[in-house]
Amino acid sequence: MKFVLLGRYDFSKASEVAERAREVFNRLPRGVEVKSRYSAVGKNLTITVIETDDARNIAALLLMFEGLIKFEVLPVFEVREKEAVDLTRQYRETEMPMHGPI
């Protein structure tokens, strides 16, 4: 299953966060595959998409950042074009569920 890890950190620790990220992503816990990583421009936000079959692997990964980054973990699935159209139809009459403010 895929998960999005939204990580927030203190700007004053940006160098330490970058160094820890290099260390962690070079020695991932067994069973974790990083699909993509992003950093929001001008924000203290990291976005990482991972894939794992065991939630304990996520815990092992997040513990490596303890004290530096606070994470929100969201299970996700890929939406293909047909599924996106179906979801749009399903929520046409109601409010589309979203995560966080726009």
PDB file of N, CA and C in Angstrom:
ATOM      1  N   MET A   1       0.844  -1.173   0.000  1.00  0.00           N
ATOM      2  CA  MET A   1       0.000   0.000   0.000  1.00  0.00           C
ATOM      3  C   MET A   1       0.892   1.239   0.000  1.00  0.00           C
ATOM      4  N   LYS A   2       0.381   2.308  -0.601  1.00  0.00           N
ATOM      5  CA  LYS A   2       1.128   3.564  -0.645  1.00  0.00           C
ATOM      6  C   LYS A   2       0.645   4.495   0.461  1.00  0.00           C
ATOM      7  N   PHE A   3       1.586   5.318   0.935  1.00  0.00           N
ATOM      8  CA  PHE A   3       1.308   6.300   1.970  1.00  0.00           C
ATOM      9  C   PHE A   3       1.997   7.604   1.604  1.00  0.00           C
ATOM     10  N   VAL A   4       1.352   8.724   1.943  1.00  0.00           N
ATOM     11  CA  VAL A   4       1.981  10.033   1.831  1.00  0.00           C
ATOM     12  C   VAL A   4       2.372  10.445   3.241  1.00  0.00           C
ATOM     13  N   LEU A   5       3.620  10.845   3.399  1.00  0.00           N
ATOM     14  CA  LEU A   5       4.118  11.337   4.676  1.00  0.00           C
ATOM     15  C   LEU A   5       4.295  12.843   4.544  1.00  0.00           C
ATOM     16  N   LEU A   6       3.485  13.599   5.262  1.00  0.00           N
ATOM     17  CA  LEU A   6       3.614  15.054   5.285  1.00  0.00           C
ATOM     18  C   LEU A   6       4.422  15.406   6.524  1.00  0.00           C
ATOM     19  N   GLY A   7       5.604  15.966   6.318  1.00  0.00           N
ATOM     20  CA  GLY A   7       6.488  16.272   7.437  1.00  0.00           C
ATOM     21  C   GLY A   7       6.678  17.763   7.609  1.00  0.00           C
ATOM     22  N   ARG A   8       6.514  18.227   8.841  1.00  0.00           N
ATOM     23  CA  ARG A   8       6.734  19.650   9.161  1.00  0.00           C
ATOM     24  C   ARG A   8       7.886  19.750  10.156  1.00  0.00           C
ATOM     25  N   TYR A   9       8.714  20.769   9.954  1.00  0.00           N
ATOM     26  CA  TYR A   9       9.890  20.928  10.802  1.00  0.00           C
ATOM     27  C   TYR A   9      10.135  22.402  11.067  1.00  0.00           C
ATOM     28  N   ASP A  10      10.963  22.682  12.057  1.00  0.00           N
ATOM     29  CA  ASP A  10      11.344  24.040  12.433  1.00  0.00           C
ATOM     30  C   ASP A  10      12.410  24.526  11.439  1.00  0.00           C
ATOM     31  N   PHE A  11      12.175  25.696  10.831  1.00  0.00           N
ATOM     32  CA  PHE A  11      13.132  26.242   9.855  1.00  0.00           C
ATOM     33  C   PHE A  11      14.545  26.350  10.430  1.00  0.00           C
ATOM     34  N   SER A  12      14.652  26.630  11.726  1.00  0.00           N
ATOM     35  CA  SER A  12      15.980  26.788  12.323  1.00  0.00           C
ATOM     36  C   SER A  12      16.763  25.473  12.332  1.00  0.00           C
ATOM     37  N   LYS A  13      16.074  24.355  12.087  1.00  0.00           N
ATOM     38  CA  LYS A  13      16.736  23.049  12.057  1.00  0.00           C
ATOM     39  C   LYS A  13      16.831  22.483  10.638  1.00  0.00           C
ATOM     40  N   ALA A  14      16.682  23.343   9.636  1.00  0.00           N
ATOM     41  CA  ALA A  14      16.652  22.882   8.244  1.00  0.00           C
ATOM     42  C   ALA A  14      17.913  22.112   7.848  1.00  0.00           C
ATOM     43  N   SER A  15      19.082  22.566   8.265  1.00  0.00           N
ATOM     44  CA  SER A  15      20.329  21.868   7.919  1.00  0.00           C
ATOM     45  C   SER A  15      20.372  20.488   8.556  1.00  0.00           C
ATOM     46  N   GLU A  16      19.954  20.406   9.810  1.00  0.00           N
ATOM     47  CA  GLU A  16      19.933  19.123  10.513  1.00  0.00           C
ATOM     48  C   GLU A  16      18.914  18.172   9.878  1.00  0.00           C
ATOM     49  N   VAL A  17      17.772  18.723   9.474  1.00  0.00           N
ATOM     50  CA  VAL A  17      16.743  17.919   8.805  1.00  0.00           C
ATOM     51  C   VAL A  17      17.285  17.366   7.487  1.00  0.00           C
ATOM     52  N   ALA A  18      17.959  18.202   6.712  1.00  0.00           N
ATOM     53  CA  ALA A  18      18.508  17.767   5.422  1.00  0.00           C
ATOM     54  C   ALA A  18      19.546  16.664   5.615  1.00  0.00           C
ATOM     55  N   GLU A  19      20.413  16.819   6.604  1.00  0.00           N
ATOM     56  CA  GLU A  19      21.437  15.808   6.875  1.00  0.00           C
ATOM     57  C   GLU A  19      20.800  14.494   7.316  1.00  0.00           C
ATOM     58  N   ARG A  20      19.825  14.571   8.202  1.00  0.00           N
ATOM     59  CA  ARG A  20      19.151  13.351   8.667  1.00  0.00           C
ATOM     60  C   ARG A  20      18.436  12.665   7.504  1.00  0.00           C
ATOM     61  N   ALA A  21      17.798  13.456   6.645  1.00  0.00           N
ATOM     62  CA  ALA A  21      17.091  12.879   5.494  1.00  0.00           C
ATOM     63  C   ALA A  21      18.063  12.120   4.595  1.00  0.00           C
ATOM     64  N   ARG A  22      19.247  12.689   4.359  1.00  0.00           N
ATOM     65  CA  ARG A  22      20.256  11.991   3.546  1.00  0.00           C
ATOM     66  C   ARG A  22      20.615  10.649   4.185  1.00  0.00           C
ATOM     67  N   GLU A  23      20.829  10.668   5.494  1.00  0.00           N
ATOM     68  CA  GLU A  23      21.189   9.437   6.209  1.00  0.00           C
ATOM     69  C   GLU A  23      20.064   8.401   6.128  1.00  0.00           C
ATOM     70  N   VAL A  24      18.855   8.838   6.444  1.00  0.00           N
ATOM     71  CA  VAL A  24      17.714   7.920   6.517  1.00  0.00           C
ATOM     72  C   VAL A  24      17.389   7.326   5.155  1.00  0.00           C
ATOM     73  N   PHE A  25      17.321   8.162   4.130  1.00  0.00           N
ATOM     74  CA  PHE A  25      16.906   7.666   2.823  1.00  0.00           C
ATOM     75  C   PHE A  25      17.999   6.851   2.125  1.00  0.00           C
ATOM     76  N   ASN A  26      19.195   6.863   2.683  1.00  0.00           N
ATOM     77  CA  ASN A  26      20.250   5.972   2.189  1.00  0.00           C
ATOM     78  C   ASN A  26      20.268   4.633   2.916  1.00  0.00           C
ATOM     79  N   ARG A  27      19.493   4.499   3.990  1.00  0.00           N
ATOM     80  CA  ARG A  27      19.407   3.225   4.725  1.00  0.00           C
ATOM     81  C   ARG A  27      17.975   3.015   5.226  1.00  0.00           C
ATOM     82  N   LEU A  28      17.076   2.873   4.300  1.00  0.00           N
ATOM     83  CA  LEU A  28      15.657   2.693   4.619  1.00  0.00           C
ATOM     84  C   LEU A  28      15.408   1.391   5.371  1.00  0.00           C
ATOM     85  N   PRO A  29      14.400   1.400   6.237  1.00  0.00           N
ATOM     86  CA  PRO A  29      14.012   0.140   6.879  1.00  0.00           C
ATOM     87  C   PRO A  29      13.599  -0.874   5.813  1.00  0.00           C
ATOM     88  N   ARG A  30      13.848  -2.136   6.087  1.00  0.00           N
ATOM     89  CA  ARG A  30      13.462  -3.203   5.160  1.00  0.00           C
ATOM     90  C   ARG A  30      11.957  -3.141   4.921  1.00  0.00           C
ATOM     91  N   GLY A  31      11.561  -3.298   3.668  1.00  0.00           N
ATOM     92  CA  GLY A  31      10.141  -3.313   3.329  1.00  0.00           C
ATOM     93  C   GLY A  31       9.559  -1.953   2.981  1.00  0.00           C
ATOM     94  N   VAL A  32      10.392  -0.904   2.982  1.00  0.00           N
ATOM     95  CA  VAL A  32       9.931   0.441   2.616  1.00  0.00           C
ATOM     96  C   VAL A  32      10.567   0.831   1.290  1.00  0.00           C
ATOM     97  N   GLU A  33       9.741   1.249   0.357  1.00  0.00           N
ATOM     98  CA  GLU A  33      10.235   1.745  -0.927  1.00  0.00           C
ATOM     99  C   GLU A  33       9.745   3.179  -1.100  1.00  0.00           C
ATOM    100  N   VAL A  34      10.674   4.103  -1.330  1.00  0.00           N
ATOM    101  CA  VAL A  34      10.309   5.500  -1.565  1.00  0.00           C
ATOM    102  C   VAL A  34       9.952   5.654  -3.031  1.00  0.00           C
ATOM    103  N   LYS A  35       8.750   6.137  -3.293  1.00  0.00           N
ATOM    104  CA  LYS A  35       8.278   6.360  -4.659  1.00  0.00           C
ATOM    105  C   LYS A  35       8.665   7.748  -5.148  1.00  0.00           C
ATOM    106  N   SER A  36       8.571   8.750  -4.268  1.00  0.00           N
ATOM    107  CA  SER A  36       8.963  10.112  -4.624  1.00  0.00           C
ATOM    108  C   SER A  36       9.097  10.947  -3.358  1.00  0.00           C
ATOM    109  N   ARG A  37       9.910  12.006  -3.481  1.00  0.00           N
ATOM    110  CA  ARG A  37      10.118  12.938  -2.361  1.00  0.00           C
ATOM    111  C   ARG A  37      10.058  14.358  -2.900  1.00  0.00           C
ATOM    112  N   TYR A  38       9.447  15.236  -2.102  1.00  0.00           N
ATOM    113  CA  TYR A  38       9.317  16.643  -2.487  1.00  0.00           C
ATOM    114  C   TYR A  38       9.545  17.518  -1.267  1.00  0.00           C
ATOM    115  N   SER A  39       9.905  18.748  -1.532  1.00  0.00           N
ATOM    116  CA  SER A  39       9.984  19.767  -0.499  1.00  0.00           C
ATOM    117  C   SER A  39       9.246  20.982  -1.033  1.00  0.00           C
ATOM    118  N   ALA A  40       8.334  21.514  -0.248  1.00  0.00           N
ATOM    119  CA  ALA A  40       7.562  22.680  -0.674  1.00  0.00           C
ATOM    120  C   ALA A  40       8.466  23.911  -0.671  1.00  0.00           C
ATOM    121  N   VAL A  41       8.446  24.663  -1.753  1.00  0.00           N
ATOM    122  CA  VAL A  41       9.288  25.845  -1.901  1.00  0.00           C
ATOM    123  C   VAL A  41       8.875  26.895  -0.876  1.00  0.00           C
ATOM    124  N   GLY A  42       9.853  27.350  -0.089  1.00  0.00           N
ATOM    125  CA  GLY A  42       9.608  28.401   0.886  1.00  0.00           C
ATOM    126  C   GLY A  42       8.787  27.968   2.089  1.00  0.00           C
ATOM    127  N   LYS A  43       8.573  26.698   2.253  1.00  0.00           N
ATOM    128  CA  LYS A  43       7.770  26.189   3.374  1.00  0.00           C
ATOM    129  C   LYS A  43       8.587  25.153   4.134  1.00  0.00           C
ATOM    130  N   ASN A  44       8.215  24.913   5.357  1.00  0.00           N
ATOM    131  CA  ASN A  44       8.872  23.883   6.162  1.00  0.00           C
ATOM    132  C   ASN A  44       8.074  22.584   6.066  1.00  0.00           C
ATOM    133  N   LEU A  45       7.877  22.123   4.837  1.00  0.00           N
ATOM    134  CA  LEU A  45       7.043  20.958   4.567  1.00  0.00           C
ATOM    135  C   LEU A  45       7.757  20.009   3.615  1.00  0.00           C
ATOM    136  N   THR A  46       7.808  18.742   4.007  1.00  0.00           N
ATOM    137  CA  THR A  46       8.316  17.700   3.126  1.00  0.00           C
ATOM    138  C   THR A  46       7.161  16.769   2.780  1.00  0.00           C
ATOM    139  N   ILE A  47       7.204  16.234   1.588  1.00  0.00           N
ATOM    140  CA  ILE A  47       6.166  15.316   1.115  1.00  0.00           C
ATOM    141  C   ILE A  47       6.889  14.093   0.560  1.00  0.00           C
ATOM    142  N   THR A  48       6.612  12.951   1.148  1.00  0.00           N
ATOM    143  CA  THR A  48       7.256  11.713   0.719  1.00  0.00           C
ATOM    144  C   THR A  48       6.184  10.674   0.445  1.00  0.00           C
ATOM    145  N   VAL A  49       6.281  10.030  -0.700  1.00  0.00           N
ATOM    146  CA  VAL A  49       5.366   8.943  -1.035  1.00  0.00           C
ATOM    147  C   VAL A  49       6.153   7.647  -0.889  1.00  0.00           C
ATOM    148  N   ILE A  50       5.638   6.752  -0.040  1.00  0.00           N
ATOM    149  CA  ILE A  50       6.301   5.469   0.167  1.00  0.00           C
ATOM    150  C   ILE A  50       5.335   4.334  -0.126  1.00  0.00           C
ATOM    151  N   GLU A  51       5.903   3.147  -0.274  1.00  0.00           N
ATOM    152  CA  GLU A  51       5.083   1.951  -0.423  1.00  0.00           C
ATOM    153  C   GLU A  51       5.607   0.902   0.550  1.00  0.00           C
ATOM    154  N   THR A  52       4.697   0.276   1.283  1.00  0.00           N
ATOM    155  CA  THR A  52       5.038  -0.793   2.213  1.00  0.00           C
ATOM    156  C   THR A  52       3.800  -1.633   2.480  1.00  0.00           C
ATOM    157  N   ASP A  53       4.016  -2.875   2.840  1.00  0.00           N
ATOM    158  CA  ASP A  53       2.901  -3.761   3.163  1.00  0.00           C
ATOM    159  C   ASP A  53       2.687  -3.900   4.664  1.00  0.00           C
ATOM    160  N   ASP A  54       3.528  -3.249   5.459  1.00  0.00           N
ATOM    161  CA  ASP A  54       3.461  -3.411   6.908  1.00  0.00           C
ATOM    162  C   ASP A  54       3.592  -2.050   7.586  1.00  0.00           C
ATOM    163  N   ALA A  55       2.582  -1.655   8.353  1.00  0.00           N
ATOM    164  CA  ALA A  55       2.582  -0.351   9.022  1.00  0.00           C
ATOM    165  C   ALA A  55       3.754  -0.205   9.992  1.00  0.00           C
ATOM    166  N   ARG A  56       4.275  -1.308  10.500  1.00  0.00           N
ATOM    167  CA  ARG A  56       5.435  -1.228  11.404  1.00  0.00           C
ATOM    168  C   ARG A  56       6.644  -0.640  10.690  1.00  0.00           C
ATOM    169  N   ASN A  57       6.711  -0.822   9.382  1.00  0.00           N
ATOM    170  CA  ASN A  57       7.810  -0.235   8.613  1.00  0.00           C
ATOM    171  C   ASN A  57       7.730   1.286   8.620  1.00  0.00           C
ATOM    172  N   ILE A  58       6.516   1.817   8.603  1.00  0.00           N
ATOM    173  CA  ILE A  58       6.336   3.273   8.658  1.00  0.00           C
ATOM    174  C   ILE A  58       6.820   3.787  10.001  1.00  0.00           C
ATOM    175  N   ALA A  59       6.438   3.102  11.070  1.00  0.00           N
ATOM    176  CA  ALA A  59       6.872   3.509  12.410  1.00  0.00           C
ATOM    177  C   ALA A  59       8.395   3.518  12.500  1.00  0.00           C
ATOM    178  N   ALA A  60       9.037   2.500  11.955  1.00  0.00           N
ATOM    179  CA  ALA A  60      10.501   2.430  11.979  1.00  0.00           C
ATOM    180  C   ALA A  60      11.113   3.609  11.233  1.00  0.00           C
ATOM    181  N   LEU A  61      10.528   3.962  10.102  1.00  0.00           N
ATOM    182  CA  LEU A  61      11.024   5.093   9.312  1.00  0.00           C
ATOM    183  C   LEU A  61      10.850   6.408  10.071  1.00  0.00           C
ATOM    184  N   LEU A  62       9.671   6.636  10.630  1.00  0.00           N
ATOM    185  CA  LEU A  62       9.395   7.896  11.314  1.00  0.00           C
ATOM    186  C   LEU A  62      10.235   8.058  12.575  1.00  0.00           C
ATOM    187  N   LEU A  63      10.532   6.970  13.259  1.00  0.00           N
ATOM    188  CA  LEU A  63      11.372   7.051  14.456  1.00  0.00           C
ATOM    189  C   LEU A  63      12.761   7.588  14.138  1.00  0.00           C
ATOM    190  N   MET A  64      13.216   7.395  12.921  1.00  0.00           N
ATOM    191  CA  MET A  64      14.531   7.896  12.522  1.00  0.00           C
ATOM    192  C   MET A  64      14.566   9.427  12.477  1.00  0.00           C
ATOM    193  N   PHE A  65      13.396  10.053  12.431  1.00  0.00           N
ATOM    194  CA  PHE A  65      13.304  11.514  12.386  1.00  0.00           C
ATOM    195  C   PHE A  65      12.825  12.106  13.715  1.00  0.00           C
ATOM    196  N   GLU A  66      12.736  11.265  14.742  1.00  0.00           N
ATOM    197  CA  GLU A  66      12.197  11.704  16.029  1.00  0.00           C
ATOM    198  C   GLU A  66      12.917  12.953  16.526  1.00  0.00           C
ATOM    199  N   GLY A  67      12.129  13.937  16.959  1.00  0.00           N
ATOM    200  CA  GLY A  67      12.676  15.177  17.477  1.00  0.00           C
ATOM    201  C   GLY A  67      12.975  16.223  16.417  1.00  0.00           C
ATOM    202  N   LEU A  68      12.884  15.860  15.139  1.00  0.00           N
ATOM    203  CA  LEU A  68      13.178  16.810  14.064  1.00  0.00           C
ATOM    204  C   LEU A  68      11.972  17.138  13.202  1.00  0.00           C
ATOM    205  N   ILE A  69      11.216  16.117  12.848  1.00  0.00           N
ATOM    206  CA  ILE A  69      10.086  16.312  11.937  1.00  0.00           C
ATOM    207  C   ILE A  69       8.845  15.678  12.547  1.00  0.00           C
ATOM    208  N   LYS A  70       7.729  16.399  12.470  1.00  0.00           N
ATOM    209  CA  LYS A  70       6.434  15.845  12.878  1.00  0.00           C
ATOM    210  C   LYS A  70       5.697  15.437  11.610  1.00  0.00           C
ATOM    211  N   PHE A  71       5.263  14.187  11.575  1.00  0.00           N
ATOM    212  CA  PHE A  71       4.640  13.644  10.375  1.00  0.00           C
ATOM    213  C   PHE A  71       3.147  13.419  10.530  1.00  0.00           C
ATOM    214  N   GLU A  72       2.456  13.605   9.428  1.00  0.00           N
ATOM    215  CA  GLU A  72       1.083  13.148   9.266  1.00  0.00           C
ATOM    216  C   GLU A  72       1.151  12.074   8.183  1.00  0.00           C
ATOM    217  N   VAL A  73       0.553  10.926   8.443  1.00  0.00           N
ATOM    218  CA  VAL A  73       0.608   9.795   7.517  1.00  0.00           C
ATOM    219  C   VAL A  73      -0.772   9.577   6.916  1.00  0.00           C
ATOM    220  N   LEU A  74      -0.828   9.554   5.586  1.00  0.00           N
ATOM    221  CA  LEU A  74      -2.093   9.368   4.879  1.00  0.00           C
ATOM    222  C   LEU A  74      -1.996   8.174   3.946  1.00  0.00           C
ATOM    223  N   PRO A  75      -2.825   7.152   4.143  1.00  0.00           N
ATOM    224  CA  PRO A  75      -2.857   6.071   3.157  1.00  0.00           C
ATOM    225  C   PRO A  75      -3.485   6.604   1.875  1.00  0.00           C
ATOM    226  N   VAL A  76      -2.914   6.255   0.726  1.00  0.00           N
ATOM    227  CA  VAL A  76      -3.407   6.776  -0.555  1.00  0.00           C
ATOM    228  C   VAL A  76      -3.464   5.662  -1.590  1.00  0.00           C
ATOM    229  N   PHE A  77      -4.197   5.915  -2.655  1.00  0.00           N
ATOM    230  CA  PHE A  77      -4.201   5.024  -3.804  1.00  0.00           C
ATOM    231  C   PHE A  77      -4.184   5.877  -5.052  1.00  0.00           C
ATOM    232  N   GLU A  78      -3.647   5.318  -6.123  1.00  0.00           N
ATOM    233  CA  GLU A  78      -3.554   6.035  -7.384  1.00  0.00           C
ATOM    234  C   GLU A  78      -4.934   6.111  -8.019  1.00  0.00           C
ATOM    235  N   VAL A  79      -5.308   7.297  -8.465  1.00  0.00           N
ATOM    236  CA  VAL A  79      -6.591   7.491  -9.134  1.00  0.00           C
ATOM    237  C   VAL A  79      -6.317   7.599 -10.625  1.00  0.00           C
ATOM    238  N   ARG A  80      -6.842   6.669 -11.353  1.00  0.00           N
ATOM    239  CA  ARG A  80      -6.696   6.703 -12.807  1.00  0.00           C
ATOM    240  C   ARG A  80      -7.810   7.565 -13.382  1.00  0.00           C
ATOM    241  N   GLU A  81      -7.711   7.907 -14.635  1.00  0.00           N
ATOM    242  CA  GLU A  81      -8.645   8.846 -15.258  1.00  0.00           C
ATOM    243  C   GLU A  81     -10.100   8.439 -15.055  1.00  0.00           C
ATOM    244  N   LYS A  82     -10.455   7.193 -15.313  1.00  0.00           N
ATOM    245  CA  LYS A  82     -11.840   6.751 -15.162  1.00  0.00           C
ATOM    246  C   LYS A  82     -12.294   6.889 -13.711  1.00  0.00           C
ATOM    247  N   GLU A  83     -11.419   6.515 -12.754  1.00  0.00           N
ATOM    248  CA  GLU A  83     -11.773   6.626 -11.342  1.00  0.00           C
ATOM    249  C   GLU A  83     -11.993   8.080 -10.953  1.00  0.00           C
ATOM    250  N   ALA A  84     -11.181   8.987 -11.500  1.00  0.00           N
ATOM    251  CA  ALA A  84     -11.335  10.404 -11.194  1.00  0.00           C
ATOM    252  C   ALA A  84     -12.685  10.912 -11.676  1.00  0.00           C
ATOM    253  N   VAL A  85     -13.098  10.492 -12.863  1.00  0.00           N
ATOM    254  CA  VAL A  85     -14.404  10.884 -13.398  1.00  0.00           C
ATOM    255  C   VAL A  85     -15.509  10.334 -12.506  1.00  0.00           C
ATOM    256  N   ASP A  86     -15.391   9.072 -12.084  1.00  0.00           N
ATOM    257  CA  ASP A  86     -16.392   8.469 -11.201  1.00  0.00           C
ATOM    258  C   ASP A  86     -16.482   9.211  -9.873  1.00  0.00           C
ATOM    259  N   LEU A  87     -15.335   9.589  -9.304  1.00  0.00           N
ATOM    260  CA  LEU A  87     -15.346  10.329  -8.042  1.00  0.00           C
ATOM    261  C   LEU A  87     -16.003  11.687  -8.213  1.00  0.00           C
ATOM    262  N   THR A  88     -15.715  12.355  -9.336  1.00  0.00           N
ATOM    263  CA  THR A  88     -16.322  13.660  -9.599  1.00  0.00           C
ATOM    264  C   THR A  88     -17.833  13.536  -9.661  1.00  0.00           C
ATOM    265  N   ARG A  89     -18.326  12.521 -10.349  1.00  0.00           N
ATOM    266  CA  ARG A  89     -19.775  12.304 -10.426  1.00  0.00           C
ATOM    267  C   ARG A  89     -20.355  12.010  -9.053  1.00  0.00           C
ATOM    268  N   GLN A  90     -19.667  11.195  -8.281  1.00  0.00           N
ATOM    269  CA  GLN A  90     -20.160  10.798  -6.965  1.00  0.00           C
ATOM    270  C   GLN A  90     -20.341  12.001  -6.048  1.00  0.00           C
ATOM    271  N   TYR A  91     -19.430  12.977  -6.114  1.00  0.00           N
ATOM    272  CA  TYR A  91     -19.486  14.114  -5.203  1.00  0.00           C
ATOM    273  C   TYR A  91     -20.040  15.381  -5.850  1.00  0.00           C
ATOM    274  N   ARG A  92     -20.603  15.279  -7.028  1.00  0.00           N
ATOM    275  CA  ARG A  92     -21.106  16.454  -7.735  1.00  0.00           C
ATOM    276  C   ARG A  92     -22.128  17.217  -6.898  1.00  0.00           C
ATOM    277  N   GLU A  93     -23.026  16.491  -6.249  1.00  0.00           N
ATOM    278  CA  GLU A  93     -24.112  17.108  -5.486  1.00  0.00           C
ATOM    279  C   GLU A  93     -23.708  17.439  -4.055  1.00  0.00           C
ATOM    280  N   THR A  94     -22.551  16.991  -3.618  1.00  0.00           N
ATOM    281  CA  THR A  94     -22.131  17.226  -2.242  1.00  0.00           C
ATOM    282  C   THR A  94     -20.777  17.900  -2.235  1.00  0.00           C
ATOM    283  N   GLU A  95     -20.323  18.217  -1.045  1.00  0.00           N
ATOM    284  CA  GLU A  95     -19.008  18.827  -0.911  1.00  0.00           C
ATOM    285  C   GLU A  95     -17.932  17.767  -1.112  1.00  0.00           C
ATOM    286  N   MET A  96     -16.972  18.046  -1.973  1.00  0.00           N
ATOM    287  CA  MET A  96     -15.878  17.114  -2.246  1.00  0.00           C
ATOM    288  C   MET A  96     -14.971  17.069  -1.013  1.00  0.00           C
ATOM    289  N   PRO A  97     -14.707  15.874  -0.452  1.00  0.00           N
ATOM    290  CA  PRO A  97     -13.832  15.796   0.716  1.00  0.00           C
ATOM    291  C   PRO A  97     -12.405  16.165   0.332  1.00  0.00           C
ATOM    292  N   MET A  98     -11.771  16.949   1.171  1.00  0.00           N
ATOM    293  CA  MET A  98     -10.405  17.371   0.899  1.00  0.00           C
ATOM    294  C   MET A  98      -9.611  17.295   2.183  1.00  0.00           C
ATOM    295  N   HIS A  99      -8.302  17.292   2.051  1.00  0.00           N
ATOM    296  CA  HIS A  99      -7.427  17.276   3.212  1.00  0.00           C
ATOM    297  C   HIS A  99      -6.809  18.659   3.357  1.00  0.00           C
ATOM    298  N   GLY A 100      -7.101  19.323   4.440  1.00  0.00           N
ATOM    299  CA  GLY A 100      -6.464  20.596   4.754  1.00  0.00           C
ATOM    300  C   GLY A 100      -7.004  21.771   3.966  1.00  0.00           C
ATOM    301  N   PRO A 101      -6.585  22.963   4.365  1.00  0.00           N
ATOM    302  CA  PRO A 101      -7.058  24.188   3.710  1.00  0.00           C
ATOM    303  C   PRO A 101      -6.453  24.370   2.331  1.00  0.00           C
ATOM    304  N   ILE A 102      -7.151  25.106   1.503  1.00  0.00           N
ATOM    305  CA  ILE A 102      -6.638  25.421   0.168  1.00  0.00           C
ATOM    306  C   ILE A 102      -6.091  26.831   0.192  1.00  0.00           C
TER     307      ILE A 102
END
